[in-house]
C-alpha cells in the first residue's frame, strides 16, 4: 500500500526542507510506502531551488515535483497534486510546520481498520498539543464548521483542518473547482454527498504560525468560504 502526500508550496523556501525531513522520518505502519507530490504554486522566492536541492540530496524519499507557471492558489495546487497521486490513500500536508507528519498513522488507522473512507484531523478534540493564537480565527473556524454541518448534516469539529485523508479513488472522483482556500468547504460538502461514504475525525496536534512567521489565510478567505458553503451547499456543482 502507498500513501500519497500532497504538499502545496508557495514561498516556503525557509521551511520546505524541514517539513520534508519530518515526512521522511515518519515510520509508516503496515509497510505503507510514501509518495510525496510537491506542487509549487509559482512562488516568488527560491522555493524551487530549495525543493530541487532537497530532492538531489535525499534520493531515498520518493518525491515528484510540479510547478505552476502562474500563481493559482492553494486549491489549484491541491487539484494538481490529487490528479497526479498514485497511492491507495491521499493526505494533504501544508509546507509550513503547523501540522505533524508523525500523526499520519493516527489518521490512517480508521481506514486501515475498515471503518472509514475519509478521515479529518481535528485540532479541537483529543489531548494533543495546540498552540494558542487568534481568538477571532477560532470563532471564524467554529462558525464555518457550523455552517458546513448545517448544509451537509455532518457533525465535524474542524472543517478547516489541513489534515484530510482520503481513499484515492474517492477524492479523484470529486469534481473540484475552487482555486484558493474555498477548497476546504467545497471538498467537504462534495464528499458528504457521496453515497454511503464513511467520514471520521481523529484528534491531532497543531503548531500554528503567526502572520510574521508566514501564515497566509485572511478575512477575505473567510468570506469566500461562506460563499462556497452556500454555493456548494445549495447546488451540487
Protein backbone atom coordinates (compact mmCIF):
# COMPACT_ATOMS: atom_id res chain seq x y z
CA UNK A 1 0.00 0.00 0.00
CA UNK A 2 1.06 3.58 -0.61
CA UNK A 3 0.24 6.98 0.87
CA UNK A 4 0.34 9.98 -1.48
CA UNK A 5 1.31 13.13 0.45
CA UNK A 6 0.23 16.28 -1.41
CA UNK A 7 2.26 19.37 -0.45
CA UNK A 8 1.19 22.71 -1.98
CA UNK A 9 4.07 25.18 -1.67
CA UNK A 10 4.07 28.96 -2.01
CA UNK A 11 7.04 30.99 -0.75
CA UNK A 12 8.21 28.24 1.62
CA UNK A 13 11.96 28.22 0.87
CA UNK A 14 12.78 28.66 4.58
CA UNK A 15 10.70 25.73 5.87
CA UNK A 16 10.17 23.27 3.00
CA UNK A 17 13.28 21.24 3.87
CA UNK A 18 12.17 20.96 7.49
CA UNK A 19 8.73 19.57 6.68
CA UNK A 20 10.29 17.17 4.17
CA UNK A 21 12.69 15.97 6.86
CA UNK A 22 9.69 15.25 9.07
CA UNK A 23 7.87 13.42 6.27
CA UNK A 24 10.98 11.37 5.51
CA UNK A 25 11.43 10.41 9.16
CA UNK A 26 7.89 9.05 9.61
CA UNK A 27 7.84 5.30 10.13
CA UNK A 28 4.65 4.14 8.47
CA UNK A 29 2.70 1.21 9.88
CA UNK A 30 1.61 -1.83 7.84
CA UNK A 31 4.60 -1.38 5.50
CA UNK A 32 2.93 1.55 3.74
CA UNK A 33 5.17 3.40 1.28
CA UNK A 34 5.27 7.18 0.90
CA UNK A 35 4.81 9.14 -2.32
CA UNK A 36 5.48 12.87 -1.89
CA UNK A 37 3.95 15.18 -4.50
CA UNK A 38 5.04 18.82 -4.24
CA UNK A 39 3.21 21.48 -6.25
CA UNK A 40 4.99 24.83 -6.34
CA UNK A 41 2.29 27.45 -6.98
CA UNK A 42 4.60 29.92 -8.77
CA UNK A 43 6.48 31.02 -5.65
CA UNK A 44 8.18 34.40 -5.74
CA UNK A 45 11.07 33.30 -3.54
CA UNK A 46 13.58 30.47 -4.06
CA UNK A 47 11.23 27.62 -3.13
CA UNK A 48 12.00 25.76 -6.36
CA UNK A 49 15.75 25.72 -5.72
CA UNK A 50 15.17 24.55 -2.15
CA UNK A 51 12.96 21.69 -3.36
CA UNK A 52 15.31 20.56 -6.11
CA UNK A 53 18.28 20.72 -3.78
CA UNK A 54 16.43 18.57 -1.25
CA UNK A 55 15.46 16.05 -3.92
CA UNK A 56 19.07 15.77 -5.07
CA UNK A 57 20.40 15.17 -1.57
CA UNK A 58 17.60 12.81 -0.47
CA UNK A 59 17.07 10.34 -3.32
CA UNK A 60 15.61 7.73 -0.98
CA UNK A 61 12.45 9.82 -0.48
CA UNK A 62 10.05 9.36 -3.39
CA UNK A 63 9.36 13.00 -4.40
CA UNK A 64 7.62 14.17 -7.57
CA UNK A 65 7.77 17.90 -8.30
CA UNK A 66 5.33 20.06 -10.27
CA UNK A 67 5.27 23.79 -10.82
CA UNK A 68 2.50 26.20 -11.80
CA UNK A 69 3.77 28.87 -14.18
CA UNK A 70 1.11 31.28 -12.87
CA UNK A 71 0.03 31.59 -9.24
CA UNK A 72 -3.42 29.98 -8.97
CA UNK A 73 -3.93 29.36 -5.27
CA UNK A 74 -3.79 26.52 -2.78
CA UNK A 75 -6.90 24.80 -4.10
CA UNK A 76 -5.48 24.70 -7.62
CA UNK A 77 -2.18 23.28 -6.32
CA UNK A 78 -4.09 20.60 -4.44
CA UNK A 79 -6.09 19.68 -7.54
CA UNK A 80 -2.85 19.22 -9.47
CA UNK A 81 -1.41 17.03 -6.74
CA UNK A 82 -4.59 14.96 -6.35
CA UNK A 83 -4.74 14.29 -10.08
CA UNK A 84 -1.13 13.05 -10.05
CA UNK A 85 -1.48 10.82 -6.97
CA UNK A 86 -0.99 7.08 -7.43
CA UNK A 87 -1.22 5.89 -3.82
CA UNK A 88 -4.01 3.95 -2.17
CA UNK A 89 -4.59 6.90 0.13
CA UNK A 90 -4.13 10.67 -0.27
CA UNK A 91 -3.36 13.15 2.50
CA UNK A 92 -2.89 16.92 2.37
CA UNK A 93 0.24 18.32 4.04
CA UNK A 94 0.95 22.06 4.23
CA UNK A 95 4.55 23.06 3.58
CA UNK A 96 4.77 25.00 6.83
CA UNK A 97 5.33 23.39 10.23
CA UNK A 98 1.81 23.71 11.69
CA UNK A 99 0.94 20.01 11.35
CA UNK A 100 2.98 16.99 12.42
CA UNK A 101 3.56 14.20 9.85
CA UNK A 102 4.17 11.78 12.72
CA UNK A 103 0.37 11.66 13.01
CA UNK A 104 -0.18 10.09 9.57
CA UNK A 105 -0.58 6.69 11.21
CA UNK A 106 -3.25 8.07 13.56
CA UNK A 107 -5.22 9.37 10.58
CA UNK A 108 -4.80 6.14 8.63
CA UNK A 109 -5.97 3.84 11.44
CA UNK A 110 -9.76 4.19 10.92
CA UNK A 111 -9.29 3.41 7.22
CA UNK A 112 -6.91 0.50 7.74
CA UNK A 113 -9.26 -0.92 10.38
CA UNK A 114 -12.03 -0.93 7.79
CA UNK A 115 -14.24 1.76 9.34
CA UNK A 116 -13.58 4.90 7.27
CA UNK A 117 -13.20 6.18 3.72
CA UNK A 118 -12.26 9.75 4.71
CA UNK A 119 -10.57 10.96 7.91
CA UNK A 120 -10.26 14.57 9.09
CA UNK A 121 -7.68 15.52 11.69
CA UNK A 122 -9.36 17.79 14.23
CA UNK A 123 -7.38 20.35 16.21
CA UNK A 124 -10.23 20.64 18.70
CA UNK A 125 -10.66 17.10 20.01
CA UNK A 126 -8.28 14.81 21.87
CA UNK A 127 -5.32 15.62 24.08
CA UNK A 128 -2.69 16.69 21.55
CA UNK A 129 -0.69 19.98 21.83
CA UNK A 130 -2.46 23.01 20.35
CA UNK A 131 -0.77 26.40 20.11
CA UNK A 132 -2.88 29.26 21.48
CA UNK A 133 -3.16 32.05 18.93
CA UNK A 134 -6.04 34.11 17.49
CA UNK A 135 -9.45 34.39 19.19
CA UNK A 136 -11.28 35.65 16.10
CA UNK A 137 -9.76 32.93 13.95
CA UNK A 138 -11.15 30.32 16.33
CA UNK A 139 -14.58 31.96 16.26
CA UNK A 140 -14.46 32.08 12.46
CA UNK A 141 -13.44 28.44 12.27
CA UNK A 142 -16.28 27.36 14.56
CA UNK A 143 -18.77 29.43 12.56
CA UNK A 144 -17.64 27.98 9.21
CA UNK A 145 -17.72 24.46 10.63
CA UNK A 146 -21.23 25.11 11.98
CA UNK A 147 -22.39 26.24 8.52
CA UNK A 148 -20.83 23.20 6.85
CA UNK A 149 -22.57 20.90 9.31
CA UNK A 150 -25.91 22.64 8.75
CA UNK A 151 -25.68 22.21 4.97
CA UNK A 152 -24.20 18.70 4.99
CA UNK A 153 -25.81 17.16 8.10
CA UNK A 154 -22.35 16.20 9.37
CA UNK A 155 -21.08 16.86 12.90
CA UNK A 156 -17.48 17.85 12.21
CA UNK A 157 -15.49 19.85 14.75
CA UNK A 158 -12.82 21.22 12.38
CA UNK A 159 -13.75 21.66 8.72
CA UNK A 160 -10.79 23.98 8.03
CA UNK A 161 -8.13 21.48 9.11
CA UNK A 162 -5.27 20.86 6.71
CA UNK A 163 -5.14 17.15 7.52
CA UNK A 164 -7.71 15.48 5.32
CA UNK A 165 -7.07 11.86 4.35
CA UNK A 166 -8.98 10.11 1.56
CA UNK A 167 -9.08 6.84 -0.24
CA UNK A 168 -7.57 7.87 -3.58
CA UNK A 169 -10.44 6.66 -5.74
CA UNK A 170 -12.87 8.77 -3.70
CA UNK A 171 -11.01 12.09 -3.85
CA UNK A 172 -10.13 11.63 -7.53
CA UNK A 173 -13.82 11.10 -8.32
CA UNK A 174 -14.78 14.52 -6.90
CA UNK A 175 -15.08 17.42 -9.37
CA UNK A 176 -13.17 20.18 -7.56
CA UNK A 177 -13.12 23.76 -8.83
CA UNK A 178 -12.01 26.17 -6.10
CA UNK A 179 -8.55 27.71 -6.55
CA UNK A 180 -7.89 29.16 -3.10
CA UNK A 181 -8.99 28.35 0.43
CA UNK A 182 -12.52 27.66 -0.81
CA UNK A 183 -11.16 24.15 -1.36
CA UNK A 184 -11.93 23.21 2.26
CA UNK A 185 -15.72 23.79 2.24
CA UNK A 186 -16.05 22.60 -1.36
CA UNK A 187 -14.36 19.25 -0.81
CA UNK A 188 -16.19 18.70 2.48
CA UNK A 189 -19.64 19.32 1.01
CA UNK A 190 -18.98 17.27 -2.12
CA UNK A 191 -17.51 14.37 -0.15
CA UNK A 192 -20.52 14.40 2.18
CA UNK A 193 -22.84 13.73 -0.80
CA UNK A 194 -21.09 10.54 -1.89
CA UNK A 195 -23.48 7.66 -1.17
CA UNK A 196 -22.51 5.58 1.87
CA UNK A 197 -19.22 7.47 2.39
CA UNK A 198 -17.82 6.96 5.89
CA UNK A 199 -16.22 10.08 7.39
CA UNK A 200 -14.27 10.01 10.65
CA UNK A 201 -12.37 12.54 12.77
CA UNK A 202 -9.30 11.95 14.94
CA UNK A 203 -7.59 14.37 17.31
CA UNK A 204 -4.32 15.91 16.08
CA UNK A 205 -1.82 18.46 17.36
CA UNK A 206 -1.44 21.99 15.95
CA UNK A 207 1.68 24.16 15.93
CA UNK A 208 0.15 27.31 14.44
CA UNK A 209 2.07 30.17 12.86
CA UNK A 210 1.62 33.91 13.30
CA UNK A 211 1.47 36.18 10.25
CA UNK A 212 5.06 37.21 10.95
CA UNK A 213 6.00 33.54 10.79
CA UNK A 214 4.31 33.08 7.43
CA UNK A 215 0.60 32.45 7.98
CA UNK A 216 -1.31 33.34 4.79
CA UNK A 217 -5.05 32.92 5.32
CA UNK A 218 -7.00 36.15 5.92
CA UNK A 219 -10.50 37.52 6.39
CA UNK A 220 -11.16 37.56 2.64
CA UNK A 221 -10.66 33.80 2.60
CA UNK A 222 -13.27 33.51 5.35
CA UNK A 223 -15.75 35.49 3.25
CA UNK A 224 -15.01 33.27 0.26
CA UNK A 225 -15.51 30.19 2.44
CA UNK A 226 -19.00 31.40 3.41
CA UNK A 227 -19.81 31.99 -0.26
CA UNK A 228 -18.58 28.47 -1.13
CA UNK A 229 -20.60 26.88 1.66
CA UNK A 230 -23.78 28.50 0.39
CA UNK A 231 -22.91 27.81 -3.26
CA UNK A 232 -21.95 24.16 -2.91
CA UNK A 233 -24.44 23.60 -0.10
CA UNK A 234 -27.36 24.55 -2.33
CA UNK A 235 -26.00 23.34 -5.67
CA UNK A 236 -24.07 20.14 -6.37
CA UNK A 237 -21.60 21.83 -8.76
